[in-house]
Structure formats: structure tokens, C-alpha cells
C-alpha atoms as a PDB file:
ATOM      1  CA  MET A   1      94.439 162.965 235.731  1.00  0.00           C
ATOM      2  CA  MET A   2      95.626 159.342 234.265  1.00  0.00           C
ATOM      3  CA  MET A   3      94.066 156.157 236.169  1.00  0.00           C
ATOM      4  CA  GLY A   4      95.613 152.399 235.752  1.00  0.00           C
ATOM      5  CA  ILE A   5      93.286 149.449 235.280  1.00  0.00           C
ATOM      6  CA  SER A   6      94.041 149.240 238.795  1.00  0.00           C
ATOM      7  CA  ASP A   7      92.193 152.022 239.867  1.00  0.00           C
ATOM      8  CA  PHE A   8      88.693 152.955 240.332  1.00  0.00           C
ATOM      9  CA  GLY A   9      86.851 156.187 240.846  1.00  0.00           C
ATOM     10  CA  TRP A  10      83.208 157.236 242.327  1.00  0.00           C
ATOM     11  CA  PHE A  11      81.526 160.407 243.135  1.00  0.00           C
ATOM     12  CA  ASP A  12      80.077 161.329 246.687  1.00  0.00           C
ATOM     13  CA  PHE A  13      77.612 163.913 245.321  1.00  0.00           C
ATOM     14  CA  ALA A  14      76.035 164.448 249.013  1.00  0.00           C
ATOM     15  CA  HIS A  15      79.540 165.789 249.847  1.00  0.00           C
ATOM     16  CA  HIS A  16      80.586 167.337 246.523  1.00  0.00           C
ATOM     17  CA  GLU A  17      83.446 164.931 246.470  1.00  0.00           C
ATOM     18  CA  PHE A  18      85.334 162.919 243.900  1.00  0.00           C
ATOM     19  CA  ARG A  19      87.614 160.152 245.223  1.00  0.00           C
ATOM     20  CA  ILE A  20      90.060 157.651 244.078  1.00  0.00           C
ATOM     21  CA  ALA A  21      90.673 153.960 245.367  1.00  0.00           C
ATOM     22  CA  ASP A  22      93.838 152.104 244.648  1.00  0.00           C
ATOM     23  CA  LEU A  23      92.743 148.698 244.455  1.00  0.00           C
ATOM     24  CA  LYS A  24      96.443 147.666 244.617  1.00  0.00           C
ATOM     25  CA  SER A  25      97.045 149.487 247.956  1.00  0.00           C
ATOM     26  CA  GLY A  26      93.518 150.038 249.174  1.00  0.00           C
ATOM     27  CA  LYS A  27      94.273 153.662 249.648  1.00  0.00           C
ATOM     28  CA  ILE A  28      91.712 156.352 248.878  1.00  0.00           C
ATOM     29  CA  SER A  29      92.651 159.775 248.279  1.00  0.00           C
ATOM     30  CA  SER A  30      90.934 163.079 246.929  1.00  0.00           C
ATOM     31  CA  PRO A  31      93.420 164.830 244.466  1.00  0.00           C
ATOM     32  CA  LYS A  32      93.379 168.397 244.397  1.00  0.00           C
ATOM     33  CA  GLY A  33      90.703 169.672 241.928  1.00  0.00           C
ATOM     34  CA  ALA A  34      88.944 166.544 241.882  1.00  0.00           C
ATOM     35  CA  SER A  35      86.045 168.100 243.583  1.00  0.00           C
ATOM     36  CA  ARG A  36      85.383 170.334 240.118  1.00  0.00           C
ATOM     37  CA  HIS A  37      85.689 167.495 238.178  1.00  0.00           C
ATOM     38  CA  ALA A  38      82.944 165.483 240.091  1.00  0.00           C
ATOM     39  CA  ASN A  39      80.835 168.744 240.125  1.00  0.00           C
ATOM     40  CA  ARG A  40      81.438 169.112 236.109  1.00  0.00           C
ATOM     41  CA  MET A  41      80.556 165.604 235.562  1.00  0.00           C
ATOM     42  CA  PHE A  42      77.201 165.969 237.653  1.00  0.00           C
ATOM     43  CA  ALA A  43      76.499 169.273 236.212  1.00  0.00           C
ATOM     44  CA  SER A  44      77.166 168.048 232.497  1.00  0.00           C
ATOM     45  CA  VAL A  45      74.483 165.102 233.659  1.00  0.00           C
ATOM     46  CA  SER A  46      71.980 167.361 235.197  1.00  0.00           C
ATOM     47  CA  GLY A  47      72.894 170.839 234.056  1.00  0.00           C
ATOM     48  CA  ALA A  48      73.436 171.943 237.576  1.00  0.00           C
ATOM     49  CA  ASP A  49      76.434 173.081 239.508  1.00  0.00           C
ATOM     50  CA  LEU A  50      76.123 171.464 242.995  1.00  0.00           C
ATOM     51  CA  LYS A  51      78.475 174.414 244.365  1.00  0.00           C
ATOM     52  CA  SER A  52      76.954 177.371 243.299  1.00  0.00           C
ATOM     53  CA  GLY A  53      73.225 175.778 242.507  1.00  0.00           C
ATOM     54  CA  LYS A  54      73.650 177.922 238.803  1.00  0.00           C
ATOM     55  CA  THR A  55      73.299 176.077 235.551  1.00  0.00           C
ATOM     56  CA  LEU A  56      76.122 175.387 233.343  1.00  0.00           C
ATOM     57  CA  SER A  57      76.010 175.917 229.735  1.00  0.00           C
ATOM     58  CA  ARG A  58      74.792 173.569 227.235  1.00  0.00           C
ATOM     59  CA  ARG A  59      78.176 173.341 225.535  1.00  0.00           C
ATOM     60  CA  THR A  60      80.247 173.001 228.857  1.00  0.00           C
ATOM     61  CA  GLY A  61      77.978 170.333 229.794  1.00  0.00           C
ATOM     62  CA  ARG A  62      78.349 168.359 226.860  1.00  0.00           C
ATOM     63  CA  LEU A  63      82.244 168.948 226.412  1.00  0.00           C
ATOM     64  CA  VAL A  64      82.767 167.317 229.771  1.00  0.00           C
ATOM     65  CA  LEU A  65      80.433 164.779 229.205  1.00  0.00           C
ATOM     66  CA  ALA A  66      81.877 163.744 226.031  1.00  0.00           C
ATOM     67  CA  ALA A  67      85.244 163.561 227.837  1.00  0.00           C
ATOM     68  CA  TRP A  68      84.063 160.968 230.535  1.00  0.00           C
ATOM     69  CA  VAL A  69      82.662 158.985 227.922  1.00  0.00           C
ATOM     70  CA  GLY A  70      85.583 158.488 225.813  1.00  0.00           C
ATOM     71  CA  PHE A  71      87.549 157.910 229.103  1.00  0.00           C
ATOM     72  CA  LEU A  72      85.067 154.890 230.175  1.00  0.00           C
ATOM     73  CA  ALA A  73      85.051 153.605 226.492  1.00  0.00           C
ATOM     74  CA  LEU A  74      89.191 153.295 226.123  1.00  0.00           C
ATOM     75  CA  TRP A  75      88.923 151.879 229.829  1.00  0.00           C
ATOM     76  CA  CYS A  76      86.433 149.130 228.624  1.00  0.00           C
ATOM     77  CA  GLY A  77      88.338 148.433 225.301  1.00  0.00           C
ATOM     78  CA  MET A  78      91.841 148.011 227.748  1.00  0.00           C
ATOM     79  CA  LEU A  79      89.681 145.467 229.804  1.00  0.00           C
ATOM     80  CA  THR A  80      88.113 143.895 226.727  1.00  0.00           C
ATOM     81  CA  ALA A  81      91.558 143.676 225.228  1.00  0.00           C
ATOM     82  CA  GLN A  82      93.032 141.737 228.267  1.00  0.00           C
ATOM     83  CA  THR A  83      90.387 139.236 228.530  1.00  0.00           C
ATOM     84  CA  GLU A  84      90.524 138.360 224.525  1.00  0.00           C
ATOM     85  CA  SER A  85      94.255 137.178 224.812  1.00  0.00           C
ATOM     86  CA  VAL A  86      94.570 133.406 225.204  1.00  0.00           C
ATOM     87  CA  SER A  87      97.351 131.007 225.715  1.00  0.00           C
ATOM     88  CA  MET A  88      99.121 128.286 224.153  1.00  0.00           C
ATOM     89  CA  THR A  89     100.942 125.206 225.806  1.00  0.00           C
ATOM     90  CA  GLY A  90     102.879 121.914 224.509  1.00  0.00           C
ATOM     91  CA  SER A  91     105.860 119.484 225.264  1.00  0.00           C
ATOM     92  CA  LEU A  92     108.449 118.088 222.599  1.00  0.00           C
ATOM     93  CA  TYR A  93     109.786 114.653 222.821  1.00  0.00           C
ATOM     94  CA  LEU A  94     112.224 112.070 221.251  1.00  0.00           C
ATOM     95  CA  TYR A  95     111.155 108.855 220.716  1.00  0.00           C
ATOM     96  CA  ASN A  96     112.515 106.154 222.794  1.00  0.00           C
ATOM     97  CA  ALA A  97     113.580 103.136 220.556  1.00  0.00           C
ATOM     98  CA  SER A  98     113.728 100.985 223.991  1.00  0.00           C
ATOM     99  CA  GLY A  99     110.333 101.016 224.571  1.00  0.00           C
ATOM    100  CA  ASN A 100     110.436 103.299 227.722  1.00  0.00           C
ATOM    101  CA  ALA A 101     108.823 106.689 227.722  1.00  0.00           C
ATOM    102  CA  PRO A 102     109.534 109.405 225.122  1.00  0.00           C
ATOM    103  CA  ILE A 103     112.684 111.832 226.179  1.00  0.00           C
ATOM    104  CA  PRO A 104     111.968 115.284 226.752  1.00  0.00           C
ATOM    105  CA  LEU A 105     113.681 117.456 224.476  1.00  0.00           C
ATOM    106  CA  ALA A 106     115.367 121.098 226.279  1.00  0.00           C
ATOM    107  CA  GLY A 107     116.499 123.823 224.460  1.00  0.00           C
ATOM    108  CA  TYR A 108     114.355 123.842 221.104  1.00  0.00           C
ATOM    109  CA  GLU A 109     113.183 126.752 219.747  1.00  0.00           C
ATOM    110  CA  VAL A 110     109.378 126.996 219.232  1.00  0.00           C
ATOM    111  CA  TYR A 111     107.938 129.684 216.657  1.00  0.00           C
ATOM    112  CA  LEU A 112     104.198 130.642 215.676  1.00  0.00           C
ATOM    113  CA  TYR A 113     103.359 132.374 212.670  1.00  0.00           C
ATOM    114  CA  HIS A 114     100.116 134.425 212.643  1.00  0.00           C
ATOM    115  CA  SER A 115      98.616 134.511 209.424  1.00  0.00           C
ATOM    116  CA  GLU A 116      96.589 137.508 209.536  1.00  0.00           C
ATOM    117  CA  SER A 117      98.748 139.931 211.501  1.00  0.00           C
ATOM    118  CA  LYS A 118     101.598 138.455 209.014  1.00  0.00           C
ATOM    119  CA  LYS A 119     103.956 138.382 212.283  1.00  0.00           C
ATOM    120  CA  TRP A 120     106.300 135.618 213.678  1.00  0.00           C
ATOM    121  CA  ILE A 121     105.931 135.241 217.401  1.00  0.00           C
ATOM    122  CA  GLY A 122     108.594 133.503 219.428  1.00  0.00           C
ATOM    123  CA  PRO A 123     110.970 131.757 220.366  1.00  0.00           C
ATOM    124  CA  SER A 124     109.594 129.849 223.397  1.00  0.00           C
ATOM    125  CA  ILE A 125     112.396 127.768 224.402  1.00  0.00           C
ATOM    126  CA  SER A 126     111.633 124.226 225.417  1.00  0.00           C
ATOM    127  CA  ASP A 127     112.631 123.675 228.978  1.00  0.00           C
ATOM    128  CA  ALA A 128     114.212 120.649 231.071  1.00  0.00           C
ATOM    129  CA  TYR A 129     110.566 118.856 230.504  1.00  0.00           C
ATOM    130  CA  GLY A 130     110.075 119.604 227.054  1.00  0.00           C
ATOM    131  CA  ARG A 131     107.766 122.147 227.838  1.00  0.00           C
ATOM    132  CA  TYR A 132     106.741 125.384 225.863  1.00  0.00           C
ATOM    133  CA  ALA A 133     104.065 128.024 226.422  1.00  0.00           C
ATOM    134  CA  PHE A 134     102.760 131.370 225.072  1.00  0.00           C
ATOM    135  CA  GLN A 135     100.796 134.126 226.365  1.00  0.00           C
ATOM    136  CA  GLY A 136      98.999 136.909 224.891  1.00  0.00           C
ATOM    137  CA  LEU A 137      97.859 135.250 221.901  1.00  0.00           C
ATOM    138  CA  GLN A 138      95.258 136.071 219.746  1.00  0.00           C
ATOM    139  CA  GLU A 139      92.841 133.473 219.368  1.00  0.00           C
ATOM    140  CA  GLY A 140      92.948 131.660 215.767  1.00  0.00           C
ATOM    141  CA  ARG A 141      95.067 129.530 213.922  1.00  0.00           C
ATOM    142  CA  TYR A 142      98.742 129.649 213.723  1.00  0.00           C
ATOM    143  CA  VAL A 143     101.885 127.528 212.025  1.00  0.00           C
ATOM    144  CA  MET A 144     104.061 126.509 214.183  1.00  0.00           C
ATOM    145  CA  ARG A 145     107.483 125.454 213.663  1.00  0.00           C
ATOM    146  CA  VAL A 146     110.077 123.589 215.974  1.00  0.00           C
ATOM    147  CA  TYR A 147     113.938 124.437 215.593  1.00  0.00           C
ATOM    148  CA  MET A 148     117.028 122.561 216.923  1.00  0.00           C
ATOM    149  CA  ALA A 149     119.346 125.328 217.287  1.00  0.00           C
ATOM    150  CA  GLY A 150     123.070 126.041 217.916  1.00  0.00           C
ATOM    151  CA  ARG A 151     125.220 129.313 218.616  1.00  0.00           C
ATOM    152  CA  ASP A 152     124.857 130.129 214.974  1.00  0.00           C
ATOM    153  CA  TRP A 153     122.495 128.045 213.004  1.00  0.00           C
ATOM    154  CA  ARG A 154     118.950 126.385 213.587  1.00  0.00           C
ATOM    155  CA  GLN A 155     117.576 123.225 211.734  1.00  0.00           C
ATOM    156  CA  GLN A 156     113.700 123.009 211.586  1.00  0.00           C
ATOM    157  CA  VAL A 157     112.420 119.526 212.928  1.00  0.00           C
ATOM    158  CA  TRP A 158     108.865 119.967 212.812  1.00  0.00           C
ATOM    159  CA  GLN A 159     105.955 122.181 211.211  1.00  0.00           C
ATOM    160  CA  GLN A 160     101.983 121.836 211.808  1.00  0.00           C
ATOM    161  CA  GLU A 161      99.248 124.038 211.885  1.00  0.00           C
ATOM    162  CA  VAL A 162      97.869 124.818 215.635  1.00  0.00           C
ATOM    163  CA  SER A 163      94.873 126.688 216.832  1.00  0.00           C
ATOM    164  CA  ALA A 164      94.880 128.757 220.239  1.00  0.00           C
ATOM    165  CA  PRO A 165      93.905 129.012 223.015  1.00  0.00           C
ATOM    166  CA  GLY A 166      94.453 125.286 224.090  1.00  0.00           C
ATOM    167  CA  GLU A 167      97.056 122.269 224.923  1.00  0.00           C
ATOM    168  CA  ILE A 168      98.859 121.051 221.787  1.00  0.00           C
ATOM    169  CA  PRO A 169      99.240 117.271 221.971  1.00  0.00           C
ATOM    170  CA  PRO A 170     102.660 116.389 222.844  1.00  0.00           C
ATOM    171  CA  ILE A 171     105.267 116.522 219.478  1.00  0.00           C
ATOM    172  CA  VAL A 172     107.339 112.875 219.615  1.00  0.00           C
ATOM    173  CA  LEU A 173     109.977 113.261 217.150  1.00  0.00           C
ATOM    174  CA  GLY A 174     111.646 110.344 215.617  1.00  0.00           C
ATOM    175  CA  ALA A 175     115.610 110.114 214.907  1.00  0.00           C
ATOM    176  CA  VAL A 176     116.845 113.970 215.083  1.00  0.00           C
ATOM    177  CA  TYR A 177     120.142 114.377 213.236  1.00  0.00           C
ATOM    178  CA  ARG A 178     122.669 117.336 214.226  1.00  0.00           C
ATOM    179  CA  VAL A 179     124.081 118.705 210.717  1.00  0.00           C
ATOM    180  CA  VAL A 180     126.258 121.686 211.645  1.00  0.00           C
ATOM    181  CA  PRO A 181     127.355 124.057 209.075  1.00  0.00           C
ATOM    182  CA  ASN A 182     130.528 125.674 208.873  1.00  0.00           C
ATOM    183  CA  ALA A 183     132.386 128.390 207.324  1.00  0.00           C
ATOM    184  CA  GLU A 184     136.258 129.934 206.475  1.00  0.00           C
ATOM    185  CA  TYR A 185     137.741 132.165 204.083  1.00  0.00           C
ATOM    186  CA  ALA A 186     141.170 133.054 202.921  1.00  0.00           C
ATOM    187  CA  LYS A 187     142.302 136.128 201.411  1.00  0.00           C
ATOM    188  CA  ILE A 188     143.525 136.311 197.966  1.00  0.00           C
ATOM    189  CA  GLY A 189     143.931 140.066 197.011  1.00  0.00           C
ATOM    190  CA  ASP A 190     142.345 143.736 197.604  1.00  0.00           C
ATOM    191  CA  LYS A 191     139.112 143.145 199.017  1.00  0.00           C
ATOM    192  CA  ARG A 192     138.568 139.575 197.413  1.00  0.00           C
ATOM    193  CA  TYR A 193     138.403 136.279 199.420  1.00  0.00           C
ATOM    194  CA  HIS A 194     137.868 132.775 199.044  1.00  0.00           C
ATOM    195  CA  PHE A 195     134.852 131.433 200.982  1.00  0.00           C
ATOM    196  CA  SER A 196     134.286 127.622 202.067  1.00  0.00           C
ATOM    197  CA  LEU A 197     131.049 126.151 203.269  1.00  0.00           C
ATOM    198  CA  TRP A 198     130.743 122.515 204.374  1.00  0.00           C
ATOM    199  CA  LEU A 199     128.681 120.033 206.886  1.00  0.00           C
ATOM    200  CA  ASP A 200     129.454 118.118 209.732  1.00  0.00           C
ATOM    201  CA  ILE A 201     126.949 115.247 209.251  1.00  0.00           C
ATOM    202  CA  PRO A 202     126.217 112.653 211.545  1.00  0.00           C
ATOM    203  CA  ARG A 203     127.796 108.881 210.119  1.00  0.00           C
ATOM    204  CA  GLU A 204     124.478 107.369 210.189  1.00  0.00           C
ATOM    205  CA  LEU A 205     123.055 109.949 208.203  1.00  0.00           C
ATOM    206  CA  GLN A 206     126.141 110.436 205.457  1.00  0.00           C
ATOM    207  CA  GLU A 207     125.241 107.884 203.045  1.00  0.00           C
ATOM    208  CA  LYS A 208     121.479 108.927 202.668  1.00  0.00           C
ATOM    209  CA  VAL A 209     122.383 112.314 201.577  1.00  0.00           C
ATOM    210  CA  GLN A 210     122.303 112.490 197.825  1.00  0.00           C
ATOM    211  CA  LYS A 211     122.943 116.321 197.664  1.00  0.00           C
ATOM    212  CA  VAL A 212     123.294 119.896 199.436  1.00  0.00           C
ATOM    213  CA  THR A 213     122.125 123.208 198.123  1.00  0.00           C
ATOM    214  CA  TYR A 214     123.362 126.598 199.226  1.00  0.00           C
ATOM    215  CA  PHE A 215     120.840 129.028 198.647  1.00  0.00           C
ATOM    216  CA  PHE A 216     122.583 132.588 198.843  1.00  0.00           C
ATOM    217  CA  ASN A 217     119.536 135.225 198.569  1.00  0.00           C
ATOM    218  CA  HIS A 218     122.089 138.266 197.624  1.00  0.00           C
ATOM    219  CA  PRO A 219     121.438 140.446 194.428  1.00  0.00           C
ATOM    220  CA  SER A 220     125.643 139.962 193.890  1.00  0.00           C
ATOM    221  CA  PHE A 221     125.260 136.446 192.934  1.00  0.00           C
ATOM    222  CA  THR A 222     123.985 136.084 189.837  1.00  0.00           C
ATOM    223  CA  ARG A 223     123.301 131.961 190.718  1.00  0.00           C
ATOM    224  CA  LYS A 224     121.634 131.994 193.764  1.00  0.00           C
ATOM    225  CA  GLU A 225     121.020 128.438 194.135  1.00  0.00           C
ATOM    226  CA  ASN A 226     124.321 126.285 194.152  1.00  0.00           C
ATOM    227  CA  GLU A 227     123.990 122.225 194.516  1.00  0.00           C
ATOM    228  CA  VAL A 228     126.725 120.114 195.515  1.00  0.00           C
ATOM    229  CA  SER A 229     126.894 116.312 195.365  1.00  0.00           C
ATOM    230  CA  ASP A 230     130.315 115.315 196.533  1.00  0.00           C
ATOM    231  CA  PRO A 231     130.086 113.993 200.176  1.00  0.00           C
ATOM    232  CA  SER A 232     133.849 113.432 200.376  1.00  0.00           C
ATOM    233  CA  ALA A 233     134.759 117.051 202.185  1.00  0.00           C
ATOM    234  CA  GLY A 234     131.022 117.631 203.905  1.00  0.00           C
ATOM    235  CA  PHE A 235     129.529 118.764 200.836  1.00  0.00           C
ATOM    236  CA  ARG A 236     131.885 121.798 200.608  1.00  0.00           C
ATOM    237  CA  TYR A 237     131.023 124.634 198.315  1.00  0.00           C
ATOM    238  CA  THR A 238     133.495 127.339 197.786  1.00  0.00           C
ATOM    239  CA  TYR A 239     132.930 130.902 196.035  1.00  0.00           C
ATOM    240  CA  THR A 240     134.682 133.801 195.496  1.00  0.00           C
ATOM    241  CA  GLY A 241     133.535 137.301 196.674  1.00  0.00           C
ATOM    242  CA  TRP A 242     133.837 140.525 198.952  1.00  0.00           C
ATOM    243  CA  GLY A 243     131.925 138.949 201.789  1.00  0.00           C
ATOM    244  CA  CYS A 244     130.183 136.937 203.611  1.00  0.00           C
ATOM    245  CA  LEU A 245     126.456 136.505 203.758  1.00  0.00           C
ATOM    246  CA  GLN A 246     124.370 137.013 206.931  1.00  0.00           C
ATOM    247  CA  ARG A 247     122.037 134.122 206.326  1.00  0.00           C
ATOM    248  CA  VAL A 248     122.833 131.166 203.849  1.00  0.00           C
ATOM    249  CA  TYR A 249     119.768 128.429 203.467  1.00  0.00           C
ATOM    250  CA  ILE A 250     121.148 125.102 203.248  1.00  0.00           C
ATOM    251  CA  THR A 251     118.993 121.782 202.179  1.00  0.00           C
ATOM    252  CA  LEU A 252     119.831 118.420 202.284  1.00  0.00           C
ATOM    253  CA  TRP A 253     118.077 115.990 200.203  1.00  0.00           C
ATOM    254  CA  MET A 254     117.277 112.679 200.956  1.00  0.00           C
ATOM    255  CA  GLU A 255     115.191 109.812 199.301  1.00  0.00           C
ATOM    256  CA  GLY A 256     111.639 110.930 200.120  1.00  0.00           C
ATOM    257  CA  LYS A 257     112.799 113.929 202.681  1.00  0.00           C
ATOM    258  CA  SER A 258     114.570 116.678 203.623  1.00  0.00           C
ATOM    259  CA  ILE A 259     116.543 118.811 205.949  1.00  0.00           C
ATOM    260  CA  GLU A 260     116.394 122.637 206.221  1.00  0.00           C
ATOM    261  CA  ILE A 261     119.152 124.674 207.769  1.00  0.00           C
ATOM    262  CA  GLU A 262     119.122 128.029 208.182  1.00  0.00           C
ATOM    263  CA  PHE A 263     123.041 129.286 208.380  1.00  0.00           C
ATOM    264  CA  PHE A 264     123.951 132.372 210.048  1.00  0.00           C
ATOM    265  CA  MET A 265     127.388 132.857 208.276  1.00  0.00           C
ATOM    266  CA  CYS A 266     128.992 136.090 209.348  1.00  0.00           C
ATOM    267  CA  ASP A 267     128.336 134.860 213.078  1.00  0.00           C
ATOM    268  CA  ALA A 268     130.109 131.963 212.460  1.00  0.00           C
ATOM    269  CA  LEU A 269     133.075 133.826 210.912  1.00  0.00           C
ATOM    270  CA  LYS A 270     132.787 135.953 213.693  1.00  0.00           C
ATOM    271  CA  GLU A 271     133.613 139.080 211.416  1.00  0.00           C
ATOM    272  CA  ASP A 272     132.520 140.077 208.265  1.00  0.00           C
ATOM    273  CA  PRO A 273     135.760 140.621 206.031  1.00  0.00           C
ATOM    274  CA  GLY A 274     134.448 142.884 203.477  1.00  0.00           C
ATOM    275  CA  LYS A 275     133.819 145.628 206.106  1.00  0.00           C
END
């Protein structure tokens, strides 16, 4: 028999009965064979059989007692694990240059990285009020990253170390520039294509960008990092090959800072021409 955390059992030794109470429904039941389990539990402790009055073997008593102790330890462990999980909440805003209250940022992706488990958690998507939340976390330190995301790309706009549990102080971002990557291809032969990547950059940012690097993390590229400094065509880069890349890492370099974008190239093309 298995009992959930919401079930609680007790022994009525006076009537030789084992009962189960379901805390959710409030019902009490005495399942078939339960009296025998209660009798053995009592016998394992006292050495006496409630029904027959006979003494059980020491081996049988110890086995039954060990089984019940193991079950209780597992139950307590589950309860402890639940009580140890914690939560984290926070909110995202955009600075309002007019001097009014900051503007909530909706639809942003928030991730947490736990260094001990080496796992990313998320995303939590900010709501219309800029709020995000994580539940069921382990207590400790995390690296938090915030992304502005499109259909086939995401741009990191914030990173910091945070602690769980607790409420993170509101994050107020300055100017956020929406840089959108694009891709296209043209067939030039049997399983050979020209692939082009370029960026749609807001006008107010174009003159600040000094160069753009495209990083192709694939063994077929002998030179994985490729730099473009010509802004005339959106810092376009072209390569010849047999397929697109699942992920391209793009960095816009400016004086004193940079913008990092993950571009899901094959998703943008809606197909992999190499397949």
C-alpha cells in the first residue's frame, strides 16, 4: 500500500485494526489486510501477536520493523524537502526620461543559473506589471540573466548575482535597443548555398556601433569568429556552406560596452536547406 503525504495512518491496538485517514477527503477506511499489517507492526515491537497471543520470530519482527522505519524516514524526507524549497520574486522597469514613474517591462525572459547544480532555471516571463517569480528553488546564490526576446532571437539586457529566498530589488533598465538579426540563403550548386546574416539596428544606435562579430560554434568552420566593420548593409556577413546553424552568437561592440544576441538561425529561415 502506498500513502501520499496527504494521508495519515494510525493503529487502534485495542480493536486490532489499522485505519487510514485521508486528510483531503476526511474519509476513514480500513483496507483489506490492514489489520494484519498493524498486528505485525505491534508484534515487531512487542514480540506478541495480538490475534493469537503467540510470539513471532525475532527475524520476522525485525524485518517488519525495518520496513516501517524505512517508510517513515522516506515520508519525513519528503516533508523536509518540501519545506526547504524557497521562492524568489522581482520586477523589471524601463527608466522614464520624463521624470515619471518607471515603465513596467512585460514579456521579458528571466533565467537563473545555480552554480552548485550547474543548471539553468527558467524562463520566468515578466507580466504586464513587470513582475517575475520563481518557485521551488534551493536556498543559495544564483546568477540571474534578463533577456529581451523575439521569435528567433534573444538579447541579454541584464545580469547580476542574487540570493534565494527573497524579493530582488526592482531592476530599472536604461535605454533598451531592439536589435533584430536576419538571415537568408541562395542555392549555388549541389548542396552548396550562400548564407547571409545582417542586423536591423535602431537609428539612434547605428552611429555608436563600431563593429559586429558573428561567432559560429561548429566544427566545419575553421575560423569561428568573424568580424564586420561596414555598417552600410546592417553589418552583413556572408559565408558559403551546406547548412545553417542552430545558434549564432552576435556581439555589437561600442565604446565602453557591448550588446550580446543569440540568433536561432535555422528557426529564422524556417528550414535547414542542408537537409
